């Protein structure tokens, strides 16, 4: 998240655009870039003493026509409904801001999931966040989609077409895809769906939820989709609880229905859990492909590619839990000892340890948040390489669930050893 000054032209554009809202003249100050994501830029600034946020398309990489307007429209609809979303002051098609963008009031709070899940400051928030998120979704799903003109209804299985264009393949994904087609529930597409509501896309204060952000995937679909996405193990960040590392699925469903959300069908919810786990698994492959193809070289995208194994394991857990239970009990792959004499000291592992220590203890303590984050990712990548060098390769043939579970377990021993020990996400039948 490198911070830098934006050219004066954008400041001038903001001043002009905000004049009808704040009153002329508008003085823009403290403009700095907070994130540099592939799909959106986010800038913080002050205008006449008010803390505001600019969210816009990167220069030269416009989103599809109308996408930014739909983000603004849905946040305004949430504000009218009394839901916790940022207040949109203006949206622009690029005439004033240079690229399509919108300006919102800044919302105080924390977005980094690991801090929310672990810091003492958010101990109270953790007790109420499942309820807060359930109430938000219940409210969102009752908003008339007509309030957001142009919102689309995508096919929930469309990700398969993108997967087919990749060179990488997963026997687990292929089996999950077949299961999804065979068990697909009746088509329901009558609600506004956030599409990416999870830890990391919420602003949280010590008292609970302050706002839901990142609306670029807004679409029309089945409410079970938002509930399932929130329950993916990927968004627990190492915590055991099923809903974002905060609480149980039963708590989420009870709070959602109590807040006016429609009755949850647990069979449909299970299908959507499989679907969204599969979708995120393919998404990890797609992000790695962006790096491997050279379109965007990024240690972050490279690291995400190794998270495919987590989604493979989670899919087996959802569809054949007994296979994962057996894989946990099976003897681990034999680890190879370091050969400290062949190439001398320091060994390859000692060199990896040295670089990892440098990144974690020196670079990652920098005041530059972007550099800090990338350093931590790089250190994690080195740890993956270290574990891989210590692992004996075992070739496993077959696409039965037992074999797929063992393959995923062996990959996780390298990519994310702690993931195997996390409890599965289970949708129990409701009495």
Protein backbone atom coordinates (compact mmCIF):
# COMPACT_ATOMS: atom_id res chain seq x y z
CA UNK A 1 0.00 0.00 0.00
CA UNK A 2 2.57 2.53 -1.10
CA UNK A 3 1.60 6.08 -0.28
CA UNK A 4 2.32 8.83 -2.75
CA UNK A 5 1.12 12.24 -3.82
CA UNK A 6 -1.44 12.46 -6.61
CA UNK A 7 -0.93 14.96 -9.44
CA UNK A 8 -2.61 18.33 -8.87
CA UNK A 9 -5.10 17.67 -11.69
CA UNK A 10 -6.97 15.18 -9.54
CA UNK A 11 -7.03 17.63 -6.65
CA UNK A 12 -8.49 20.22 -9.01
CA UNK A 13 -11.04 17.70 -10.26
CA UNK A 14 -12.08 16.83 -6.72
CA UNK A 15 -12.42 20.49 -5.80
CA UNK A 16 -14.65 21.14 -8.82
CA UNK A 17 -16.74 18.01 -8.34
CA UNK A 18 -17.30 18.64 -4.62
CA UNK A 19 -18.16 22.32 -4.90
CA UNK A 20 -21.93 21.70 -5.38
CA UNK A 21 -21.88 19.33 -2.39
CA UNK A 22 -19.67 21.17 0.10
CA UNK A 23 -19.94 24.71 -1.26
CA UNK A 24 -17.24 26.61 -3.12
CA UNK A 25 -14.41 27.11 -2.69
CA UNK A 26 -13.26 23.58 -1.81
CA UNK A 27 -9.75 23.14 -0.44
CA UNK A 28 -8.25 19.67 -1.01
CA UNK A 29 -5.41 18.56 1.25
CA UNK A 30 -3.61 15.44 2.53
CA UNK A 31 -4.37 13.49 -0.66
CA UNK A 32 -2.60 10.15 -0.50
CA UNK A 33 -2.99 6.73 -2.03
CA UNK A 34 -3.98 4.01 0.44
CA UNK A 35 -4.17 1.00 -1.86
CA UNK A 36 -3.11 0.14 -5.37
CA UNK A 37 -5.29 -2.84 -6.20
CA UNK A 38 -5.73 -4.26 -9.67
CA UNK A 39 -9.39 -3.25 -9.88
CA UNK A 40 -9.69 -0.04 -7.85
CA UNK A 41 -7.59 2.72 -6.33
CA UNK A 42 -8.47 4.16 -2.93
CA UNK A 43 -7.31 7.60 -1.84
CA UNK A 44 -7.75 9.43 1.46
CA UNK A 45 -8.01 13.21 1.58
CA UNK A 46 -9.52 16.15 3.40
CA UNK A 47 -11.93 18.65 1.83
CA UNK A 48 -12.70 21.78 3.81
CA UNK A 49 -11.66 19.88 6.92
CA UNK A 50 -13.86 16.82 6.27
CA UNK A 51 -12.25 13.37 6.00
CA UNK A 52 -13.24 11.79 2.68
CA UNK A 53 -12.36 8.78 0.51
CA UNK A 54 -11.93 8.71 -3.27
CA UNK A 55 -12.43 5.34 -4.94
CA UNK A 56 -11.72 5.26 -8.66
CA UNK A 57 -10.62 3.19 -11.64
CA UNK A 58 -6.86 3.13 -12.23
CA UNK A 59 -5.83 5.34 -15.15
CA UNK A 60 -5.92 3.34 -18.38
CA UNK A 61 -7.87 0.47 -16.79
CA UNK A 62 -11.51 1.51 -16.84
CA UNK A 63 -14.19 -0.78 -15.47
CA UNK A 64 -17.21 -1.68 -17.58
CA UNK A 65 -19.60 1.24 -18.17
CA UNK A 66 -21.96 1.82 -15.28
CA UNK A 67 -20.12 -0.37 -12.74
CA UNK A 68 -19.01 2.50 -10.52
CA UNK A 69 -22.47 4.07 -10.72
CA UNK A 70 -24.00 0.78 -9.51
CA UNK A 71 -21.61 0.78 -6.52
CA UNK A 72 -22.77 4.29 -5.67
CA UNK A 73 -26.43 3.39 -6.18
CA UNK A 74 -26.33 0.36 -3.91
CA UNK A 75 -24.54 2.23 -1.11
CA UNK A 76 -27.13 5.00 -1.35
CA UNK A 77 -29.89 2.38 -1.21
CA UNK A 78 -28.28 0.94 1.92
CA UNK A 79 -28.11 4.40 3.51
CA UNK A 80 -31.82 4.94 2.79
CA UNK A 81 -32.55 1.56 4.39
CA UNK A 82 -30.57 2.44 7.52
CA UNK A 83 -27.81 -0.07 6.79
CA UNK A 84 -24.17 0.50 7.65
CA UNK A 85 -22.54 1.54 4.38
CA UNK A 86 -20.37 4.57 3.56
CA UNK A 87 -22.24 7.75 2.65
CA UNK A 88 -21.66 8.56 -1.02
CA UNK A 89 -21.25 12.27 -1.72
CA UNK A 90 -20.81 12.04 -5.47
CA UNK A 91 -20.08 9.68 -8.34
CA UNK A 92 -18.47 10.69 -11.60
CA UNK A 93 -18.12 9.01 -15.00
CA UNK A 94 -14.61 10.38 -15.43
CA UNK A 95 -15.54 13.84 -16.67
CA UNK A 96 -14.22 15.56 -13.53
CA UNK A 97 -12.08 12.93 -11.80
CA UNK A 98 -10.17 11.69 -14.86
CA UNK A 99 -11.50 8.14 -14.46
CA UNK A 100 -14.79 6.80 -13.13
CA UNK A 101 -14.95 7.20 -9.40
CA UNK A 102 -16.92 8.10 -6.33
CA UNK A 103 -16.33 10.07 -3.16
CA UNK A 104 -17.52 8.86 0.25
CA UNK A 105 -17.28 10.09 3.80
CA UNK A 106 -14.49 8.32 5.66
CA UNK A 107 -15.68 5.74 8.19
CA UNK A 108 -13.49 5.31 11.28
CA UNK A 109 -12.47 1.82 12.24
CA UNK A 110 -10.30 -1.17 11.37
CA UNK A 111 -10.37 -3.35 8.24
CA UNK A 112 -7.43 -5.70 8.88
CA UNK A 113 -9.04 -9.02 9.79
CA UNK A 114 -6.25 -10.38 11.98
CA UNK A 115 -6.40 -7.30 14.20
CA UNK A 116 -10.18 -7.49 14.49
CA UNK A 117 -9.99 -11.20 15.36
CA UNK A 118 -7.16 -10.97 17.88
CA UNK A 119 -6.57 -7.51 19.34
CA UNK A 120 -8.00 -6.75 22.78
CA UNK A 121 -9.44 -3.49 21.42
CA UNK A 122 -12.05 -5.49 19.48
CA UNK A 123 -13.00 -8.02 22.14
CA UNK A 124 -16.49 -6.53 22.50
CA UNK A 125 -16.93 -6.22 18.73
CA UNK A 126 -16.15 -9.92 18.26
CA UNK A 127 -19.12 -10.80 20.46
CA UNK A 128 -21.60 -8.88 18.30
CA UNK A 129 -20.20 -9.03 14.77
CA UNK A 130 -22.02 -12.20 13.71
CA UNK A 131 -25.29 -10.53 14.68
CA UNK A 132 -24.28 -7.25 13.02
CA UNK A 133 -23.36 -8.98 9.76
CA UNK A 134 -26.53 -11.09 9.79
CA UNK A 135 -28.68 -8.00 10.32
CA UNK A 136 -26.87 -6.20 7.52
CA UNK A 137 -27.46 -9.06 5.07
CA UNK A 138 -31.08 -9.41 6.11
CA UNK A 139 -31.58 -5.71 5.35
CA UNK A 140 -29.67 -5.79 2.08
CA UNK A 141 -31.65 -8.78 0.81
CA UNK A 142 -34.95 -6.96 1.36
CA UNK A 143 -33.97 -3.91 -0.74
CA UNK A 144 -35.82 -3.82 -4.05
CA UNK A 145 -33.21 -4.56 -6.78
CA UNK A 146 -34.94 -1.92 -8.90
CA UNK A 147 -33.21 0.66 -6.66
CA UNK A 148 -29.94 -0.31 -8.38
CA UNK A 149 -30.55 0.02 -12.14
CA UNK A 150 -28.51 -2.24 -14.39
CA UNK A 151 -27.58 -4.80 -11.74
CA UNK A 152 -26.77 -8.10 -13.46
CA UNK A 153 -27.71 -11.74 -12.71
CA UNK A 154 -24.58 -13.85 -13.34
CA UNK A 155 -24.54 -17.63 -13.70
CA UNK A 156 -23.07 -19.03 -10.44
CA UNK A 157 -21.25 -21.71 -12.48
CA UNK A 158 -19.69 -19.27 -14.96
CA UNK A 159 -16.29 -19.53 -13.23
CA UNK A 160 -15.87 -22.95 -14.90
CA UNK A 161 -15.35 -21.28 -18.28
CA UNK A 162 -12.43 -19.26 -16.88
CA UNK A 163 -11.00 -22.41 -15.28
CA UNK A 164 -11.09 -24.18 -18.65
CA UNK A 165 -8.82 -21.52 -20.13
CA UNK A 166 -6.11 -22.14 -17.54
CA UNK A 167 -3.23 -24.59 -18.02
CA UNK A 168 -3.41 -25.72 -14.40
CA UNK A 169 -5.84 -28.51 -13.49
CA UNK A 170 -7.27 -29.93 -10.25
CA UNK A 171 -8.92 -33.35 -10.02
CA UNK A 172 -10.71 -32.11 -6.90
CA UNK A 173 -12.16 -29.13 -8.74
CA UNK A 174 -13.37 -31.39 -11.55
CA UNK A 175 -15.20 -33.67 -9.11
CA UNK A 176 -16.66 -30.70 -7.23
CA UNK A 177 -17.88 -29.21 -10.51
CA UNK A 178 -19.69 -32.45 -11.39
CA UNK A 179 -21.28 -32.51 -7.92
CA UNK A 180 -22.42 -28.91 -8.22
CA UNK A 181 -24.12 -29.54 -11.54
CA UNK A 182 -25.82 -32.68 -10.24
CA UNK A 183 -27.13 -31.07 -7.04
CA UNK A 184 -27.85 -27.53 -8.22
CA UNK A 185 -30.87 -26.10 -6.33
CA UNK A 186 -33.79 -24.34 -7.93
CA UNK A 187 -32.82 -21.02 -9.47
CA UNK A 188 -33.40 -18.03 -7.19
CA UNK A 189 -32.22 -14.57 -8.22
CA UNK A 190 -34.48 -12.04 -6.54
CA UNK A 191 -32.19 -10.22 -4.11
CA UNK A 192 -29.28 -7.80 -4.17
CA UNK A 193 -26.10 -9.74 -3.38
CA UNK A 194 -22.96 -8.02 -2.11
CA UNK A 195 -20.82 -10.79 -3.58
CA UNK A 196 -17.76 -10.29 -1.37
CA UNK A 197 -18.98 -9.72 2.19
CA UNK A 198 -16.25 -11.14 4.41
CA UNK A 199 -13.62 -10.21 6.94
CA UNK A 200 -11.42 -7.66 5.20
CA UNK A 201 -14.35 -5.95 3.49
CA UNK A 202 -15.89 -4.53 6.64
CA UNK A 203 -14.92 -1.58 8.82
CA UNK A 204 -15.11 -2.49 12.49
CA UNK A 205 -14.88 -0.37 15.62
CA UNK A 206 -14.56 -1.45 19.24
CA UNK A 207 -18.36 -1.61 19.46
CA UNK A 208 -18.99 -3.67 16.29
CA UNK A 209 -19.71 -3.18 12.59
CA UNK A 210 -19.28 0.38 11.28
CA UNK A 211 -19.63 -0.19 7.53
CA UNK A 212 -19.61 -2.74 4.72
CA UNK A 213 -17.29 -1.73 1.88
CA UNK A 214 -16.00 -2.95 -1.53
CA UNK A 215 -19.22 -3.19 -3.53
CA UNK A 216 -17.72 -3.86 -6.97
CA UNK A 217 -19.25 -7.37 -7.18
CA UNK A 218 -22.82 -6.26 -6.47
CA UNK A 219 -25.28 -8.40 -8.45
CA UNK A 220 -28.67 -10.04 -8.26
CA UNK A 221 -28.93 -13.60 -7.00
CA UNK A 222 -29.75 -16.09 -4.24
CA UNK A 223 -29.38 -14.76 -0.65
CA UNK A 224 -27.74 -18.07 0.35
CA UNK A 225 -24.71 -16.93 -1.70
CA UNK A 226 -23.82 -14.04 0.64
CA UNK A 227 -24.30 -16.22 3.72
CA UNK A 228 -22.11 -18.98 2.30
CA UNK A 229 -19.30 -16.65 1.21
CA UNK A 230 -19.11 -15.25 4.71
CA UNK A 231 -18.64 -18.81 6.04
CA UNK A 232 -15.71 -19.84 3.84
CA UNK A 233 -12.80 -21.11 5.90
CA UNK A 234 -10.54 -18.77 3.92
CA UNK A 235 -12.01 -15.79 5.79
CA UNK A 236 -11.39 -17.19 9.28
CA UNK A 237 -7.70 -16.22 9.15
CA UNK A 238 -6.71 -19.21 11.24
CA UNK A 239 -9.52 -18.92 13.79
CA UNK A 240 -11.74 -21.97 14.47
CA UNK A 241 -15.20 -20.38 14.33
CA UNK A 242 -17.20 -20.97 11.16
CA UNK A 243 -18.40 -17.44 10.39
CA UNK A 244 -15.38 -15.24 9.71
CA UNK A 245 -13.60 -16.68 12.74
CA UNK A 246 -16.28 -15.09 14.94
CA UNK A 247 -19.13 -17.54 15.58
CA UNK A 248 -21.17 -20.49 14.36
CA UNK A 249 -23.38 -20.98 11.32
CA UNK A 250 -26.32 -21.57 13.65
CA UNK A 251 -25.74 -18.14 15.22
CA UNK A 252 -25.59 -16.52 11.78
CA UNK A 253 -28.78 -18.20 10.54
CA UNK A 254 -30.72 -17.48 13.72
CA UNK A 255 -29.69 -13.80 13.70
CA UNK A 256 -30.39 -13.47 9.96
CA UNK A 257 -33.88 -14.93 10.19
CA UNK A 258 -34.65 -12.99 13.39
CA UNK A 259 -33.67 -9.75 11.63
CA UNK A 260 -36.19 -10.36 8.86
CA UNK A 261 -34.09 -12.38 6.42
CA UNK A 262 -35.94 -15.07 4.53
CA UNK A 263 -35.89 -18.64 5.83
CA UNK A 264 -32.56 -20.34 5.20
CA UNK A 265 -32.63 -23.71 3.45
CA UNK A 266 -29.63 -25.60 4.79
CA UNK A 267 -29.39 -27.89 1.78
CA UNK A 268 -29.13 -24.84 -0.47
CA UNK A 269 -26.64 -23.23 1.92
CA UNK A 270 -24.45 -26.34 1.72
CA UNK A 271 -24.55 -26.21 -2.10
CA UNK A 272 -23.50 -22.57 -2.01
CA UNK A 273 -20.67 -23.34 0.42
CA UNK A 274 -19.35 -25.86 -2.08
CA UNK A 275 -19.90 -23.43 -4.94
CA UNK A 276 -18.13 -20.50 -3.30
CA UNK A 277 -15.23 -22.68 -2.08
CA UNK A 278 -14.85 -23.94 -5.65
CA UNK A 279 -15.14 -20.38 -6.99
CA UNK A 280 -12.45 -19.07 -4.64
CA UNK A 281 -10.20 -22.03 -5.52
CA UNK A 282 -10.41 -21.18 -9.21
CA UNK A 283 -9.97 -17.53 -8.26
CA UNK A 284 -6.66 -18.41 -6.59
CA UNK A 285 -5.54 -20.10 -9.81
CA UNK A 286 -6.61 -17.08 -11.86
CA UNK A 287 -4.68 -14.68 -9.62
CA UNK A 288 -1.57 -16.85 -9.83
CA UNK A 289 -1.96 -16.92 -13.62
CA UNK A 290 -1.86 -13.11 -13.72
CA UNK A 291 1.57 -13.31 -12.07
CA UNK A 292 2.86 -16.30 -14.04
CA UNK A 293 1.80 -14.81 -17.37
CA UNK A 294 3.78 -11.65 -16.64
CA UNK A 295 0.74 -9.36 -16.83
CA UNK A 296 1.37 -8.25 -13.23
CA UNK A 297 4.41 -9.54 -11.36
CA UNK A 298 3.43 -9.69 -7.69
CA UNK A 299 4.61 -11.68 -4.70
CA UNK A 300 1.06 -11.40 -3.34
CA UNK A 301 -0.50 -12.98 -6.45
CA UNK A 302 2.18 -15.67 -6.44
CA UNK A 303 1.44 -16.53 -2.80
CA UNK A 304 -2.31 -16.74 -3.47
CA UNK A 305 -1.62 -19.46 -6.03
CA UNK A 306 -0.48 -21.78 -3.26
CA UNK A 307 -3.82 -21.32 -1.48
CA UNK A 308 -5.47 -23.57 -4.07
CA UNK A 309 -4.59 -26.50 -1.79
CA UNK A 310 -6.69 -25.00 1.01
CA UNK A 311 -9.77 -24.90 -1.20
CA UNK A 312 -9.12 -28.45 -2.44
CA UNK A 313 -9.01 -29.67 1.16
CA UNK A 314 -12.13 -27.72 2.08
CA UNK A 315 -14.03 -29.15 -0.90
CA UNK A 316 -13.16 -32.69 0.13
CA UNK A 317 -14.24 -31.85 3.69
CA UNK A 318 -17.58 -30.59 2.42
CA UNK A 319 -18.26 -33.48 0.03
CA UNK A 320 -16.44 -36.45 1.61
CA UNK A 321 -15.60 -35.58 5.22
CA UNK A 322 -14.65 -39.16 6.08
CA UNK A 323 -11.81 -38.98 3.52
CA UNK A 324 -10.35 -35.94 5.26
CA UNK A 325 -10.68 -37.61 8.65
CA UNK A 326 -8.71 -40.59 7.34
CA UNK A 327 -6.08 -38.36 5.75
CA UNK A 328 -5.53 -36.58 9.07
CA UNK A 329 -4.74 -39.94 10.69
CA UNK A 330 -2.56 -41.25 7.84
CA UNK A 331 1.23 -41.20 8.39
CA UNK A 332 2.78 -37.94 7.19
CA UNK A 333 5.13 -37.77 4.24
CA UNK A 334 8.71 -38.41 5.37
CA UNK A 335 10.78 -35.25 5.72
CA UNK A 336 14.30 -35.21 4.29
CA UNK A 337 17.24 -34.13 6.41
CA UNK A 338 19.37 -31.12 5.51
CA UNK A 339 22.62 -31.92 3.75
CA UNK A 340 24.84 -29.37 5.44
CA UNK A 341 28.09 -30.58 3.85
CA UNK A 342 27.35 -30.81 0.13
CA UNK A 343 27.37 -27.06 -0.51
CA UNK A 344 28.83 -25.79 2.76
CA UNK A 345 27.36 -23.38 5.29
CA UNK A 346 25.06 -21.59 5.38
CA UNK A 347 22.81 -24.25 3.92
CA UNK A 348 19.89 -23.46 1.61
CA UNK A 349 17.57 -23.66 4.59
CA UNK A 350 19.78 -21.37 6.65
CA UNK A 351 19.83 -18.87 3.79
CA UNK A 352 16.05 -19.00 3.56
CA UNK A 353 15.81 -18.48 7.31
CA UNK A 354 18.11 -15.46 7.08
CA UNK A 355 16.10 -13.78 4.33
CA UNK A 356 12.82 -14.59 6.08
CA UNK A 357 14.17 -13.09 9.31
CA UNK A 358 15.32 -9.96 7.46
CA UNK A 359 11.91 -9.48 5.86
CA UNK A 360 9.94 -10.09 9.04
CA UNK A 361 12.14 -8.25 11.54
CA UNK A 362 13.61 -5.42 9.46
CA UNK A 363 11.60 -4.66 6.33
CA UNK A 364 8.20 -5.57 7.78
CA UNK A 365 8.67 -3.10 10.63
CA UNK A 366 8.89 -0.20 8.20
CA UNK A 367 6.40 2.65 8.49
CA UNK A 368 5.39 2.03 4.86
CA UNK A 369 2.29 -0.18 5.21
CA UNK A 370 2.53 -1.38 1.63
CA UNK A 371 6.13 -2.48 2.04
CA UNK A 372 5.29 -4.05 5.40
CA UNK A 373 2.51 -6.15 3.88
CA UNK A 374 4.59 -7.28 0.89
CA UNK A 375 7.50 -8.17 3.17
CA UNK A 376 5.27 -10.40 5.27
CA UNK A 377 3.92 -12.09 2.16
CA UNK A 378 7.49 -12.61 0.87
CA UNK A 379 8.50 -14.11 4.22
CA UNK A 380 5.55 -16.49 4.03
CA UNK A 381 6.56 -17.48 0.50
CA UNK A 382 10.07 -18.28 1.72
CA UNK A 383 8.58 -20.43 4.49
CA UNK A 384 6.60 -22.35 1.85
CA UNK A 385 9.78 -22.98 -0.14
CA UNK A 386 11.57 -24.12 3.01
CA UNK A 387 8.84 -26.65 3.81
CA UNK A 388 8.81 -27.87 0.21
CA UNK A 389 12.57 -28.46 0.23
CA UNK A 390 12.12 -30.58 3.35
CA UNK A 391 9.31 -32.68 1.88
CA UNK A 392 9.73 -36.00 0.14
CA UNK A 393 7.61 -36.20 -3.01
CA UNK A 394 5.02 -38.98 -2.98
CA UNK A 395 3.19 -39.67 -6.24
CA UNK A 396 -0.49 -40.46 -5.73
CA UNK A 397 -2.74 -41.70 -8.55
CA UNK A 398 -6.53 -41.64 -8.64
CA UNK A 399 -9.41 -39.23 -8.30
CA UNK A 400 -11.31 -41.01 -5.52
CA UNK A 401 -12.02 -38.86 -2.48
CA UNK A 402 -9.51 -40.68 -0.27
CA UNK A 403 -6.67 -40.03 -2.71
CA UNK A 404 -7.75 -36.43 -3.27
CA UNK A 405 -7.77 -35.86 0.50
CA UNK A 406 -4.22 -37.20 0.83
CA UNK A 407 -3.02 -35.06 -2.10
CA UNK A 408 -4.55 -31.95 -0.53
CA UNK A 409 -3.09 -32.83 2.87
CA UNK A 410 0.42 -33.23 1.38
CA UNK A 411 0.11 -29.89 -0.42
CA UNK A 412 -1.11 -28.19 2.73
CA UNK A 413 1.85 -29.55 4.67
CA UNK A 414 3.88 -27.22 2.47
CA UNK A 415 1.51 -24.35 1.72
CA UNK A 416 -0.50 -23.95 4.93
CA UNK A 417 0.09 -26.65 7.58
CA UNK A 418 -2.29 -25.11 10.11
CA UNK A 419 -5.23 -25.33 7.71
CA UNK A 420 -5.65 -29.09 8.15
CA UNK A 421 -6.23 -28.68 11.88
CA UNK A 422 -9.00 -26.09 11.48
CA UNK A 423 -12.45 -27.59 12.12
CA UNK A 424 -14.59 -28.11 9.01
CA UNK A 425 -17.53 -25.94 8.06
CA UNK A 426 -20.63 -28.07 8.53
CA UNK A 427 -24.24 -27.19 7.78
CA UNK A 428 -26.24 -29.42 10.07
CA UNK A 429 -29.89 -30.21 9.25
CA UNK A 430 -32.22 -28.02 11.28
CA UNK A 431 -34.72 -29.72 13.59
